[in-house]
PDB file of N, CA and C in Angstrom:
ATOM      1  N   MET A   1     -96.916 101.299  91.882  1.00  0.00           N
ATOM      2  CA  MET A   1     -97.956 100.437  92.385  1.00  0.00           C
ATOM      3  C   MET A   1     -97.455  98.991  92.520  1.00  0.00           C
ATOM      4  N   PHE A   2     -96.789  98.505  91.473  1.00  0.00           N
ATOM      5  CA  PHE A   2     -96.236  97.154  91.525  1.00  0.00           C
ATOM      6  C   PHE A   2     -95.128  97.060  92.567  1.00  0.00           C
ATOM      7  N   LYS A   3     -94.390  98.160  92.720  1.00  0.00           N
ATOM      8  CA  LYS A   3     -93.302  98.185  93.701  1.00  0.00           C
ATOM      9  C   LYS A   3     -93.847  98.018  95.115  1.00  0.00           C
ATOM     10  N   ASP A   4     -94.979  98.651  95.404  1.00  0.00           N
ATOM     11  CA  ASP A   4     -95.600  98.518  96.721  1.00  0.00           C
ATOM     12  C   ASP A   4     -96.068  97.089  96.969  1.00  0.00           C
ATOM     13  N   ALA A   5     -96.640  96.497  95.955  1.00  0.00           N
ATOM     14  CA  ALA A   5     -97.096  95.110  96.076  1.00  0.00           C
ATOM     15  C   ALA A   5     -95.914  94.177  96.301  1.00  0.00           C
ATOM     16  N   LEU A   6     -94.808  94.451  95.650  1.00  0.00           N
ATOM     17  CA  LEU A   6     -93.606  93.629  95.809  1.00  0.00           C
ATOM     18  C   LEU A   6     -93.050  93.744  97.226  1.00  0.00           C
ATOM     19  N   ILE A   7     -93.095  94.934  97.787  1.00  0.00           N
ATOM     20  CA  ILE A   7     -92.620  95.130  99.160  1.00  0.00           C
ATOM     21  C   ILE A   7     -93.487  94.334 100.133  1.00  0.00           C
ATOM     22  N   ILE A   8     -94.789  94.385  99.968  1.00  0.00           N
ATOM     23  CA  ILE A   8     -95.704  93.639 100.834  1.00  0.00           C
ATOM     24  C   ILE A   8     -95.479  92.140 100.673  1.00  0.00           C
ATOM     25  N   PHE A   9     -95.287  91.710  99.424  1.00  0.00           N
ATOM     26  CA  PHE A   9     -95.037  90.294  99.155  1.00  0.00           C
ATOM     27  C   PHE A   9     -93.780  89.814  99.866  1.00  0.00           C
ATOM     28  N   LYS A  10     -92.723  90.593  99.811  1.00  0.00           N
ATOM     29  CA  LYS A  10     -91.465  90.220 100.477  1.00  0.00           C
ATOM     30  C   LYS A  10     -91.642  90.121 101.988  1.00  0.00           C
ATOM     31  N   LYS A  11     -92.367  91.072 102.576  1.00  0.00           N
ATOM     32  CA  LYS A  11     -92.595  91.043 104.025  1.00  0.00           C
ATOM     33  C   LYS A  11     -93.390  89.804 104.420  1.00  0.00           C
ATOM     34  N   GLU A  12     -94.436  89.515 103.666  1.00  0.00           N
ATOM     35  CA  GLU A  12     -95.253  88.342 103.963  1.00  0.00           C
ATOM     36  C   GLU A  12     -94.448  87.056 103.792  1.00  0.00           C
ATOM     37  N   PHE A  13     -93.627  87.005 102.776  1.00  0.00           N
ATOM     38  CA  PHE A  13     -92.803  85.815 102.529  1.00  0.00           C
ATOM     39  C   PHE A  13     -91.809  85.598 103.650  1.00  0.00           C
ATOM     40  N   LYS A  14     -91.202  86.674 104.149  1.00  0.00           N
ATOM     41  CA  LYS A  14     -90.265  86.569 105.268  1.00  0.00           C
ATOM     42  C   LYS A  14     -90.968  86.065 106.520  1.00  0.00           C
ATOM     43  N   SER A  15     -92.136  86.606 106.802  1.00  0.00           N
ATOM     44  CA  SER A  15     -92.850  86.179 108.001  1.00  0.00           C
ATOM     45  C   SER A  15     -93.331  84.730 107.863  1.00  0.00           C
ATOM     46  N   LEU A  16     -93.576  84.297 106.650  1.00  0.00           N
ATOM     47  CA  LEU A  16     -94.022  82.930 106.409  1.00  0.00           C
ATOM     48  C   LEU A  16     -92.936  81.927 106.789  1.00  0.00           C
ATOM     49  N   PHE A  17     -91.689  82.233 106.467  1.00  0.00           N
ATOM     50  CA  PHE A  17     -90.599  81.296 106.698  1.00  0.00           C
ATOM     51  C   PHE A  17     -89.902  81.480 108.040  1.00  0.00           C
ATOM     52  N   LYS A  18     -90.410  82.325 108.903  1.00  0.00           N
ATOM     53  CA  LYS A  18     -89.829  82.466 110.244  1.00  0.00           C
ATOM     54  C   LYS A  18     -90.201  81.295 111.138  1.00  0.00           C
ATOM     55  N   ASP A  19     -91.409  80.812 111.002  1.00  0.00           N
ATOM     56  CA  ASP A  19     -91.901  79.736 111.859  1.00  0.00           C
ATOM     57  C   ASP A  19     -91.589  78.383 111.228  1.00  0.00           C
ATOM     58  N   LYS A  20     -90.934  77.504 111.968  1.00  0.00           N
ATOM     59  CA  LYS A  20     -90.543  76.199 111.436  1.00  0.00           C
ATOM     60  C   LYS A  20     -91.745  75.303 111.170  1.00  0.00           C
ATOM     61  N   ARG A  21     -92.792  75.440 111.970  1.00  0.00           N
ATOM     62  CA  ARG A  21     -93.993  74.625 111.749  1.00  0.00           C
ATOM     63  C   ARG A  21     -94.664  74.994 110.433  1.00  0.00           C
ATOM     64  N   THR A  22     -94.629  76.273 110.104  1.00  0.00           N
ATOM     65  CA  THR A  22     -95.223  76.709 108.843  1.00  0.00           C
ATOM     66  C   THR A  22     -94.435  76.166 107.658  1.00  0.00           C
ATOM     67  N   VAL A  23     -93.131  76.218 107.742  1.00  0.00           N
ATOM     68  CA  VAL A  23     -92.283  75.673 106.671  1.00  0.00           C
ATOM     69  C   VAL A  23     -92.547  74.181 106.522  1.00  0.00           C
ATOM     70  N   PHE A  24     -92.674  73.490 107.629  1.00  0.00           N
ATOM     71  CA  PHE A  24     -92.940  72.058 107.584  1.00  0.00           C
ATOM     72  C   PHE A  24     -94.273  71.774 106.900  1.00  0.00           C
ATOM     73  N   SER A  25     -95.306  72.527 107.275  1.00  0.00           N
ATOM     74  CA  SER A  25     -96.630  72.240 106.723  1.00  0.00           C
ATOM     75  C   SER A  25     -96.785  72.700 105.285  1.00  0.00           C
ATOM     76  N   ILE A  26     -96.009  73.668 104.846  1.00  0.00           N
ATOM     77  CA  ILE A  26     -96.130  74.166 103.475  1.00  0.00           C
ATOM     78  C   ILE A  26     -95.193  73.439 102.515  1.00  0.00           C
ATOM     79  N   VAL A  27     -94.006  73.085 102.951  1.00  0.00           N
ATOM     80  CA  VAL A  27     -93.008  72.533 102.040  1.00  0.00           C
ATOM     81  C   VAL A  27     -92.802  71.033 102.243  1.00  0.00           C
ATOM     82  N   ILE A  28     -92.446  70.629 103.442  1.00  0.00           N
ATOM     83  CA  ILE A  28     -92.000  69.261 103.681  1.00  0.00           C
ATOM     84  C   ILE A  28     -93.166  68.273 103.687  1.00  0.00           C
ATOM     85  N   LEU A  29     -94.225  68.587 104.381  1.00  0.00           N
ATOM     86  CA  LEU A  29     -95.354  67.674 104.481  1.00  0.00           C
ATOM     87  C   LEU A  29     -95.960  67.334 103.115  1.00  0.00           C
ATOM     88  N   PRO A  30     -96.220  68.301 102.236  1.00  0.00           N
ATOM     89  CA  PRO A  30     -96.736  67.933 100.913  1.00  0.00           C
ATOM     90  C   PRO A  30     -95.758  67.098 100.088  1.00  0.00           C
ATOM     91  N   MET A  31     -94.455  67.330 100.264  1.00  0.00           N
ATOM     92  CA  MET A  31     -93.471  66.543  99.513  1.00  0.00           C
ATOM     93  C   MET A  31     -93.463  65.091  99.960  1.00  0.00           C
ATOM     94  N   VAL A  32     -93.895  64.825 101.173  1.00  0.00           N
ATOM     95  CA  VAL A  32     -93.951  63.456 101.683  1.00  0.00           C
ATOM     96  C   VAL A  32     -95.320  62.839 101.414  1.00  0.00           C
ATOM     97  N   LEU A  33     -96.375  63.594 101.660  1.00  0.00           N
ATOM     98  CA  LEU A  33     -97.720  63.041 101.549  1.00  0.00           C
ATOM     99  C   LEU A  33     -98.181  62.800 100.118  1.00  0.00           C
ATOM    100  N   MET A  34     -97.883  63.704  99.212  1.00  0.00           N
ATOM    101  CA  MET A  34     -98.393  63.558  97.846  1.00  0.00           C
ATOM    102  C   MET A  34     -97.874  62.280  97.165  1.00  0.00           C
ATOM    103  N   PRO A  35     -96.584  61.965  97.220  1.00  0.00           N
ATOM    104  CA  PRO A  35     -96.151  60.692  96.623  1.00  0.00           C
ATOM    105  C   PRO A  35     -96.780  59.480  97.297  1.00  0.00           C
ATOM    106  N   MET A  36     -96.970  59.557  98.625  1.00  0.00           N
ATOM    107  CA  MET A  36     -97.598  58.429  99.317  1.00  0.00           C
ATOM    108  C   MET A  36     -99.050  58.245  98.871  1.00  0.00           C
ATOM    109  N   ILE A  37     -99.760  59.346  98.692  1.00  0.00           N
ATOM    110  CA  ILE A  37    -101.156  59.260  98.248  1.00  0.00           C
ATOM    111  C   ILE A  37    -101.230  58.656  96.856  1.00  0.00           C
ATOM    112  N   PHE A  38    -100.380  59.102  95.944  1.00  0.00           N
ATOM    113  CA  PHE A  38    -100.412  58.577  94.577  1.00  0.00           C
ATOM    114  C   PHE A  38     -99.964  57.121  94.516  1.00  0.00           C
ATOM    115  N   MET A  39     -99.016  56.731  95.374  1.00  0.00           N
ATOM    116  CA  MET A  39     -98.619  55.327  95.426  1.00  0.00           C
ATOM    117  C   MET A  39     -99.771  54.467  95.921  1.00  0.00           C
ATOM    118  N   ALA A  40    -100.502  54.947  96.919  1.00  0.00           N
ATOM    119  CA  ALA A  40    -101.648  54.199  97.433  1.00  0.00           C
ATOM    120  C   ALA A  40    -102.739  54.078  96.377  1.00  0.00           C
ATOM    121  N   ILE A  41    -102.996  55.137  95.640  1.00  0.00           N
ATOM    122  CA  ILE A  41    -103.999  55.092  94.573  1.00  0.00           C
ATOM    123  C   ILE A  41    -103.598  54.074  93.511  1.00  0.00           C
ATOM    124  N   GLY A  42    -102.339  54.072  93.117  1.00  0.00           N
ATOM    125  CA  GLY A  42    -101.859  53.108  92.125  1.00  0.00           C
ATOM    126  C   GLY A  42    -101.940  51.682  92.625  1.00  0.00           C
ATOM    127  N   PHE A  43    -101.584  51.477  93.893  1.00  0.00           N
ATOM    128  CA  PHE A  43    -101.625  50.128  94.457  1.00  0.00           C
ATOM    129  C   PHE A  43    -103.046  49.593  94.497  1.00  0.00           C
ATOM    130  N   PHE A  44    -103.969  50.392  95.040  1.00  0.00           N
ATOM    131  CA  PHE A  44    -105.341  49.921  95.138  1.00  0.00           C
ATOM    132  C   PHE A  44    -105.997  49.789  93.771  1.00  0.00           C
ATOM    133  N   GLY A  45    -105.594  50.605  92.824  1.00  0.00           N
ATOM    134  CA  GLY A  45    -106.099  50.466  91.460  1.00  0.00           C
ATOM    135  C   GLY A  45    -105.649  49.165  90.821  1.00  0.00           C
ATOM    136  N   SER A  46    -104.384  48.798  91.015  1.00  0.00           N
ATOM    137  CA  SER A  46    -103.891  47.542  90.449  1.00  0.00           C
ATOM    138  C   SER A  46    -104.524  46.337  91.131  1.00  0.00           C
ATOM    139  N   VAL A  47    -104.766  46.426  92.429  1.00  0.00           N
ATOM    140  CA  VAL A  47    -105.440  45.332  93.138  1.00  0.00           C
ATOM    141  C   VAL A  47    -106.856  45.149  92.600  1.00  0.00           C
ATOM    142  N   GLN A  48    -107.538  46.248  92.374  1.00  0.00           N
ATOM    143  CA  GLN A  48    -108.900  46.166  91.860  1.00  0.00           C
ATOM    144  C   GLN A  48    -108.925  45.625  90.432  1.00  0.00           C
ATOM    145  N   GLN A  49    -107.954  46.008  89.603  1.00  0.00           N
ATOM    146  CA  GLN A  49    -107.881  45.474  88.238  1.00  0.00           C
ATOM    147  C   GLN A  49    -107.650  43.972  88.264  1.00  0.00           C
ATOM    148  N   LYS A  50    -106.802  43.518  89.171  1.00  0.00           N
ATOM    149  CA  LYS A  50    -106.534  42.091  89.275  1.00  0.00           C
ATOM    150  C   LYS A  50    -107.792  41.341  89.702  1.00  0.00           C
ATOM    151  N   GLN A  51    -108.539  41.888  90.640  1.00  0.00           N
ATOM    152  CA  GLN A  51    -109.779  41.250  91.078  1.00  0.00           C
ATOM    153  C   GLN A  51    -110.796  41.188  89.946  1.00  0.00           C
ATOM    154  N   VAL A  52    -110.897  42.228  89.158  1.00  0.00           N
ATOM    155  CA  VAL A  52    -111.847  42.248  88.044  1.00  0.00           C
ATOM    156  C   VAL A  52    -111.431  41.236  86.988  1.00  0.00           C
ATOM    157  N   ALA A  53    -110.137  41.100  86.738  1.00  0.00           N
ATOM    158  CA  ALA A  53    -109.666  40.156  85.729  1.00  0.00           C
ATOM    159  C   ALA A  53    -109.898  38.712  86.165  1.00  0.00           C
ATOM    160  N   GLU A  54    -109.853  38.437  87.455  1.00  0.00           N
ATOM    161  CA  GLU A  54    -110.025  37.065  87.948  1.00  0.00           C
ATOM    162  C   GLU A  54    -111.482  36.692  88.204  1.00  0.00           C
ATOM    163  N   THR A  55    -112.376  37.645  88.100  1.00  0.00           N
ATOM    164  CA  THR A  55    -113.780  37.381  88.377  1.00  0.00           C
ATOM    165  C   THR A  55    -114.390  36.547  87.250  1.00  0.00           C
ATOM    166  N   VAL A  56    -115.097  35.503  87.645  1.00  0.00           N
ATOM    167  CA  VAL A  56    -115.784  34.643  86.674  1.00  0.00           C
ATOM    168  C   VAL A  56    -117.277  34.951  86.773  1.00  0.00           C
ATOM    169  N   TYR A  57    -117.833  35.283  85.640  1.00  0.00           N
ATOM    170  CA  TYR A  57    -119.262  35.613  85.600  1.00  0.00           C
ATOM    171  C   TYR A  57    -120.031  34.421  85.055  1.00  0.00           C
ATOM    172  N   ARG A  58    -121.139  34.128  85.679  1.00  0.00           N
ATOM    173  CA  ARG A  58    -122.022  33.055  85.195  1.00  0.00           C
ATOM    174  C   ARG A  58    -123.254  33.698  84.598  1.00  0.00           C
ATOM    175  N   ILE A  59    -123.510  33.350  83.371  1.00  0.00           N
ATOM    176  CA  ILE A  59    -124.665  33.882  82.672  1.00  0.00           C
ATOM    177  C   ILE A  59    -125.599  32.736  82.348  1.00  0.00           C
ATOM    178  N   GLY A  60    -126.816  32.856  82.781  1.00  0.00           N
ATOM    179  CA  GLY A  60    -127.777  31.793  82.520  1.00  0.00           C
ATOM    180  C   GLY A  60    -128.856  32.255  81.559  1.00  0.00           C
ATOM    181  N   PHE A  61    -129.266  31.313  80.712  1.00  0.00           N
ATOM    182  CA  PHE A  61    -130.343  31.615  79.764  1.00  0.00           C
ATOM    183  C   PHE A  61    -131.581  30.853  80.146  1.00  0.00           C
TER     184      PHE A  61
END
């Protein structure tokens, strides 16, 4: 039973890597986009922290 599943898995894996667009969208694109997304999150987070630290609040009684 496991042997049959392994055969199907191998066939599907081979067909997956035949098309260059599929390889690009599964392997290369995430390797480029994920670091860029996390860098952007870190950058905007640090900008927001700086703005919060420089904010002066006026409290009136």
